[in-house]
Amino acid sequence: MFILNVSYSKNPVEVEPQIKAHGEWVGRYLKEGIFLFAGPKKSGLGGVIAVQSISKERLLQILAEDSYVQADVADYQIIDFDCKATQSTLEALKLA
C-alpha cells in the first residue's frame, strides 16, 4: 500500500489550470479501485492519496499520467507501507 503526499512545487496560480484534469485522473483511479481515498490538504498546498498494493513500477506509470506531473507543478512523496492495524470499519485496508 502507498500513501502519496502531494505538494505543490509552483505557485497555486500555476497549479490552477491543472486542477480539473488532475481531478479527472484521481476519479479514474478511484473508480478502478486503485486509489482508496484522496483529498486536498487543508493548507491548500497539495493533497494526499492512498493507493492499494500495486507494483512500484505500475504506480510510477500512473503518476506519469497526472496533469500535475506533466506540467511539473507538484512533487509526489511516495510512502510504501503495510497496513497492519485499523478500526473495524476499515478492515479491508489490511488487504489492499
N, C-alpha and C. Protein backbone atom coordinates (compact mmCIF):
# COMPACT_ATOMS: atom_id res chain seq x y z
N MET A 1 0.85 -1.16 0.00
CA MET A 1 0.00 0.00 0.00
C MET A 1 0.90 1.23 0.00
N PHE A 2 0.42 2.28 -0.63
CA PHE A 2 1.18 3.52 -0.69
C PHE A 2 0.32 4.69 -0.20
N ILE A 3 0.98 5.64 0.43
CA ILE A 3 0.40 6.94 0.69
C ILE A 3 1.19 7.93 -0.15
N LEU A 4 0.50 8.73 -0.91
CA LEU A 4 1.14 9.75 -1.74
C LEU A 4 0.92 11.11 -1.08
N ASN A 5 2.00 11.76 -0.73
CA ASN A 5 1.96 13.11 -0.18
C ASN A 5 2.27 14.06 -1.33
N VAL A 6 1.25 14.76 -1.79
CA VAL A 6 1.38 15.64 -2.95
C VAL A 6 1.60 17.07 -2.46
N SER A 7 2.67 17.69 -2.92
CA SER A 7 2.98 19.07 -2.53
C SER A 7 3.20 19.91 -3.78
N TYR A 8 2.50 21.04 -3.83
CA TYR A 8 2.69 21.93 -4.97
C TYR A 8 4.12 22.46 -4.97
N SER A 9 4.74 22.43 -6.13
CA SER A 9 6.10 22.93 -6.29
C SER A 9 6.12 24.29 -6.99
N LYS A 10 4.95 24.72 -7.41
CA LYS A 10 4.80 26.02 -8.08
C LYS A 10 3.73 26.84 -7.35
N ASN A 11 3.64 28.09 -7.71
CA ASN A 11 2.64 28.98 -7.17
C ASN A 11 1.25 28.42 -7.48
N PRO A 12 0.29 28.50 -6.53
CA PRO A 12 -1.06 27.99 -6.81
C PRO A 12 -1.69 28.53 -8.09
N VAL A 13 -1.32 29.71 -8.52
CA VAL A 13 -1.83 30.27 -9.78
C VAL A 13 -1.39 29.40 -10.96
N GLU A 14 -0.20 28.81 -10.88
CA GLU A 14 0.30 27.93 -11.93
C GLU A 14 -0.32 26.54 -11.84
N VAL A 15 -0.75 26.15 -10.65
CA VAL A 15 -1.37 24.84 -10.44
C VAL A 15 -2.81 24.85 -10.95
N GLU A 16 -3.51 25.95 -10.74
CA GLU A 16 -4.95 26.05 -11.01
C GLU A 16 -5.38 25.52 -12.38
N PRO A 17 -4.68 25.80 -13.48
CA PRO A 17 -5.12 25.28 -14.77
C PRO A 17 -5.09 23.75 -14.87
N GLN A 18 -4.39 23.09 -13.96
CA GLN A 18 -4.26 21.63 -14.00
C GLN A 18 -5.27 20.92 -13.10
N ILE A 19 -5.99 21.66 -12.27
CA ILE A 19 -6.84 21.04 -11.25
C ILE A 19 -7.93 20.16 -11.85
N LYS A 20 -8.60 20.61 -12.89
CA LYS A 20 -9.69 19.81 -13.47
C LYS A 20 -9.16 18.48 -14.00
N ALA A 21 -8.10 18.50 -14.78
CA ALA A 21 -7.54 17.26 -15.33
C ALA A 21 -7.02 16.36 -14.21
N HIS A 22 -6.41 16.96 -13.19
CA HIS A 22 -5.93 16.17 -12.06
C HIS A 22 -7.11 15.47 -11.37
N GLY A 23 -8.20 16.20 -11.16
CA GLY A 23 -9.39 15.62 -10.53
C GLY A 23 -9.97 14.47 -11.34
N GLU A 24 -9.97 14.60 -12.65
CA GLU A 24 -10.46 13.52 -13.51
C GLU A 24 -9.54 12.30 -13.41
N TRP A 25 -8.24 12.54 -13.35
CA TRP A 25 -7.26 11.46 -13.19
C TRP A 25 -7.48 10.74 -11.87
N VAL A 26 -7.66 11.49 -10.79
CA VAL A 26 -7.93 10.88 -9.48
C VAL A 26 -9.22 10.07 -9.56
N GLY A 27 -10.27 10.65 -10.14
CA GLY A 27 -11.55 9.96 -10.25
C GLY A 27 -11.45 8.65 -11.01
N ARG A 28 -10.67 8.65 -12.07
CA ARG A 28 -10.49 7.42 -12.86
C ARG A 28 -9.93 6.29 -12.01
N TYR A 29 -8.89 6.60 -11.24
CA TYR A 29 -8.24 5.54 -10.45
C TYR A 29 -9.01 5.20 -9.18
N LEU A 30 -9.84 6.11 -8.69
CA LEU A 30 -10.76 5.75 -7.61
C LEU A 30 -11.80 4.75 -8.14
N LYS A 31 -12.34 5.04 -9.31
CA LYS A 31 -13.35 4.17 -9.93
C LYS A 31 -12.78 2.78 -10.21
N GLU A 32 -11.51 2.73 -10.64
CA GLU A 32 -10.86 1.45 -10.91
C GLU A 32 -10.47 0.71 -9.64
N GLY A 33 -10.56 1.37 -8.49
CA GLY A 33 -10.23 0.73 -7.23
C GLY A 33 -8.75 0.75 -6.88
N ILE A 34 -7.96 1.44 -7.67
CA ILE A 34 -6.52 1.53 -7.38
C ILE A 34 -6.27 2.57 -6.29
N PHE A 35 -6.92 3.72 -6.38
CA PHE A 35 -6.86 4.71 -5.31
C PHE A 35 -7.96 4.38 -4.31
N LEU A 36 -7.63 4.43 -3.04
CA LEU A 36 -8.59 4.10 -1.99
C LEU A 36 -9.31 5.33 -1.47
N PHE A 37 -8.59 6.42 -1.33
CA PHE A 37 -9.18 7.71 -0.97
C PHE A 37 -8.21 8.81 -1.37
N ALA A 38 -8.75 10.01 -1.51
CA ALA A 38 -7.92 11.15 -1.93
C ALA A 38 -8.58 12.43 -1.46
N GLY A 39 -7.76 13.44 -1.25
CA GLY A 39 -8.32 14.73 -0.88
C GLY A 39 -7.24 15.78 -0.72
N PRO A 40 -7.66 17.05 -0.73
CA PRO A 40 -6.70 18.14 -0.60
C PRO A 40 -6.25 18.32 0.84
N LYS A 41 -5.05 18.85 0.99
CA LYS A 41 -4.57 19.25 2.32
C LYS A 41 -5.34 20.51 2.72
N LYS A 42 -5.61 20.64 3.99
CA LYS A 42 -6.33 21.84 4.47
C LYS A 42 -5.54 23.11 4.21
N SER A 43 -4.23 22.99 4.06
CA SER A 43 -3.40 24.17 3.75
C SER A 43 -3.66 24.68 2.34
N GLY A 44 -4.25 23.83 1.49
CA GLY A 44 -4.48 24.20 0.10
C GLY A 44 -3.24 24.08 -0.77
N LEU A 45 -2.20 23.44 -0.25
CA LEU A 45 -0.93 23.37 -0.98
C LEU A 45 -0.57 21.96 -1.43
N GLY A 46 -1.59 21.16 -1.70
CA GLY A 46 -1.34 19.80 -2.17
C GLY A 46 -2.45 18.88 -1.72
N GLY A 47 -2.13 17.59 -1.62
CA GLY A 47 -3.13 16.62 -1.23
C GLY A 47 -2.51 15.32 -0.78
N VAL A 48 -3.38 14.36 -0.50
CA VAL A 48 -2.98 13.03 -0.05
C VAL A 48 -3.81 12.01 -0.81
N ILE A 49 -3.16 10.95 -1.26
CA ILE A 49 -3.84 9.86 -1.96
C ILE A 49 -3.37 8.55 -1.36
N ALA A 50 -4.30 7.65 -1.04
CA ALA A 50 -3.95 6.30 -0.60
C ALA A 50 -4.13 5.37 -1.79
N VAL A 51 -3.15 4.49 -2.00
CA VAL A 51 -3.13 3.60 -3.16
C VAL A 51 -3.03 2.17 -2.67
N GLN A 52 -3.86 1.29 -3.23
CA GLN A 52 -3.78 -0.12 -2.87
C GLN A 52 -2.42 -0.69 -3.26
N SER A 53 -2.14 -1.89 -2.81
CA SER A 53 -0.86 -2.54 -3.13
C SER A 53 -0.81 -2.89 -4.62
N ILE A 54 0.05 -2.18 -5.32
CA ILE A 54 0.38 -2.46 -6.71
C ILE A 54 1.90 -2.37 -6.80
N SER A 55 2.45 -2.73 -7.93
CA SER A 55 3.91 -2.63 -8.06
C SER A 55 4.32 -1.16 -8.11
N LYS A 56 5.52 -0.90 -7.65
CA LYS A 56 6.05 0.47 -7.71
C LYS A 56 6.14 0.93 -9.17
N GLU A 57 6.48 0.01 -10.06
CA GLU A 57 6.56 0.33 -11.48
C GLU A 57 5.20 0.81 -12.00
N ARG A 58 4.14 0.09 -11.63
CA ARG A 58 2.78 0.48 -12.07
C ARG A 58 2.40 1.83 -11.47
N LEU A 59 2.74 2.04 -10.21
CA LEU A 59 2.44 3.32 -9.59
C LEU A 59 3.12 4.47 -10.34
N LEU A 60 4.37 4.30 -10.70
CA LEU A 60 5.09 5.34 -11.42
C LEU A 60 4.47 5.61 -12.79
N GLN A 61 3.95 4.55 -13.44
CA GLN A 61 3.25 4.73 -14.72
C GLN A 61 1.98 5.57 -14.52
N ILE A 62 1.25 5.28 -13.46
CA ILE A 62 0.03 6.02 -13.16
C ILE A 62 0.35 7.49 -12.86
N LEU A 63 1.37 7.72 -12.06
CA LEU A 63 1.75 9.09 -11.72
C LEU A 63 2.16 9.88 -12.95
N ALA A 64 2.79 9.23 -13.91
CA ALA A 64 3.22 9.91 -15.14
C ALA A 64 2.04 10.44 -15.94
N GLU A 65 0.84 9.90 -15.71
CA GLU A 65 -0.36 10.34 -16.41
C GLU A 65 -0.98 11.60 -15.79
N ASP A 66 -0.59 11.92 -14.57
CA ASP A 66 -1.19 13.04 -13.85
C ASP A 66 -0.80 14.38 -14.46
N SER A 67 -1.77 15.25 -14.63
CA SER A 67 -1.50 16.58 -15.19
C SER A 67 -0.54 17.38 -14.31
N TYR A 68 -0.57 17.16 -13.01
CA TYR A 68 0.37 17.86 -12.13
C TYR A 68 1.81 17.48 -12.45
N VAL A 69 2.03 16.19 -12.71
CA VAL A 69 3.38 15.72 -13.05
C VAL A 69 3.77 16.24 -14.43
N GLN A 70 2.86 16.12 -15.38
CA GLN A 70 3.15 16.55 -16.75
C GLN A 70 3.45 18.04 -16.84
N ALA A 71 2.79 18.85 -16.00
CA ALA A 71 3.01 20.30 -16.00
C ALA A 71 4.10 20.70 -15.01
N ASP A 72 4.64 19.73 -14.29
CA ASP A 72 5.71 19.97 -13.31
C ASP A 72 5.32 21.02 -12.27
N VAL A 73 4.10 20.85 -11.71
CA VAL A 73 3.62 21.80 -10.70
C VAL A 73 3.50 21.18 -9.31
N ALA A 74 3.79 19.88 -9.18
CA ALA A 74 3.69 19.22 -7.87
C ALA A 74 4.74 18.12 -7.76
N ASP A 75 5.12 17.87 -6.52
CA ASP A 75 6.04 16.77 -6.21
C ASP A 75 5.27 15.71 -5.44
N TYR A 76 5.60 14.46 -5.71
CA TYR A 76 4.98 13.34 -5.02
C TYR A 76 6.00 12.66 -4.11
N GLN A 77 5.70 12.62 -2.82
CA GLN A 77 6.47 11.80 -1.89
C GLN A 77 5.71 10.48 -1.80
N ILE A 78 6.38 9.38 -2.13
CA ILE A 78 5.76 8.06 -2.13
C ILE A 78 6.16 7.35 -0.84
N ILE A 79 5.17 7.01 -0.03
CA ILE A 79 5.41 6.30 1.22
C ILE A 79 4.83 4.90 1.06
N ASP A 80 5.69 3.89 1.10
CA ASP A 80 5.32 2.48 0.94
C ASP A 80 5.18 1.87 2.32
N PHE A 81 4.00 1.30 2.63
CA PHE A 81 3.84 0.70 3.96
C PHE A 81 2.86 -0.46 3.92
N ASP A 82 2.92 -1.27 4.98
CA ASP A 82 1.99 -2.38 5.16
C ASP A 82 0.98 -1.98 6.23
N CYS A 83 -0.29 -1.98 5.88
CA CYS A 83 -1.35 -1.65 6.83
C CYS A 83 -1.60 -2.87 7.72
N LYS A 84 -1.31 -2.75 8.99
CA LYS A 84 -1.44 -3.88 9.93
C LYS A 84 -2.56 -3.70 10.93
N ALA A 85 -2.96 -2.47 11.20
CA ALA A 85 -3.99 -2.22 12.21
C ALA A 85 -4.95 -1.15 11.71
N THR A 86 -6.25 -1.40 11.91
CA THR A 86 -7.29 -0.44 11.52
C THR A 86 -8.44 -0.52 12.51
N GLN A 87 -9.33 0.43 12.43
CA GLN A 87 -10.60 0.31 13.11
C GLN A 87 -11.38 -0.78 12.38
N SER A 88 -12.35 -1.38 13.06
CA SER A 88 -13.08 -2.50 12.46
C SER A 88 -13.76 -2.11 11.15
N THR A 89 -14.18 -0.88 11.00
CA THR A 89 -14.86 -0.46 9.77
C THR A 89 -13.91 -0.35 8.59
N LEU A 90 -12.60 -0.41 8.84
CA LEU A 90 -11.61 -0.27 7.77
C LEU A 90 -10.80 -1.54 7.55
N GLU A 91 -11.29 -2.67 7.99
CA GLU A 91 -10.56 -3.94 7.90
C GLU A 91 -10.09 -4.25 6.48
N ALA A 92 -10.85 -3.86 5.47
CA ALA A 92 -10.47 -4.16 4.09
C ALA A 92 -9.15 -3.51 3.70
N LEU A 93 -8.76 -2.44 4.38
CA LEU A 93 -7.49 -1.79 4.05
C LEU A 93 -6.30 -2.69 4.34
N LYS A 94 -6.45 -3.61 5.27
CA LYS A 94 -5.36 -4.54 5.58
C LYS A 94 -5.06 -5.44 4.38
N LEU A 95 -6.05 -5.63 3.54
CA LEU A 95 -5.90 -6.49 2.37
C LEU A 95 -5.48 -5.72 1.13
N ALA A 96 -5.59 -4.41 1.18
CA ALA A 96 -5.34 -3.58 -0.01
C ALA A 96 -3.87 -3.55 -0.39
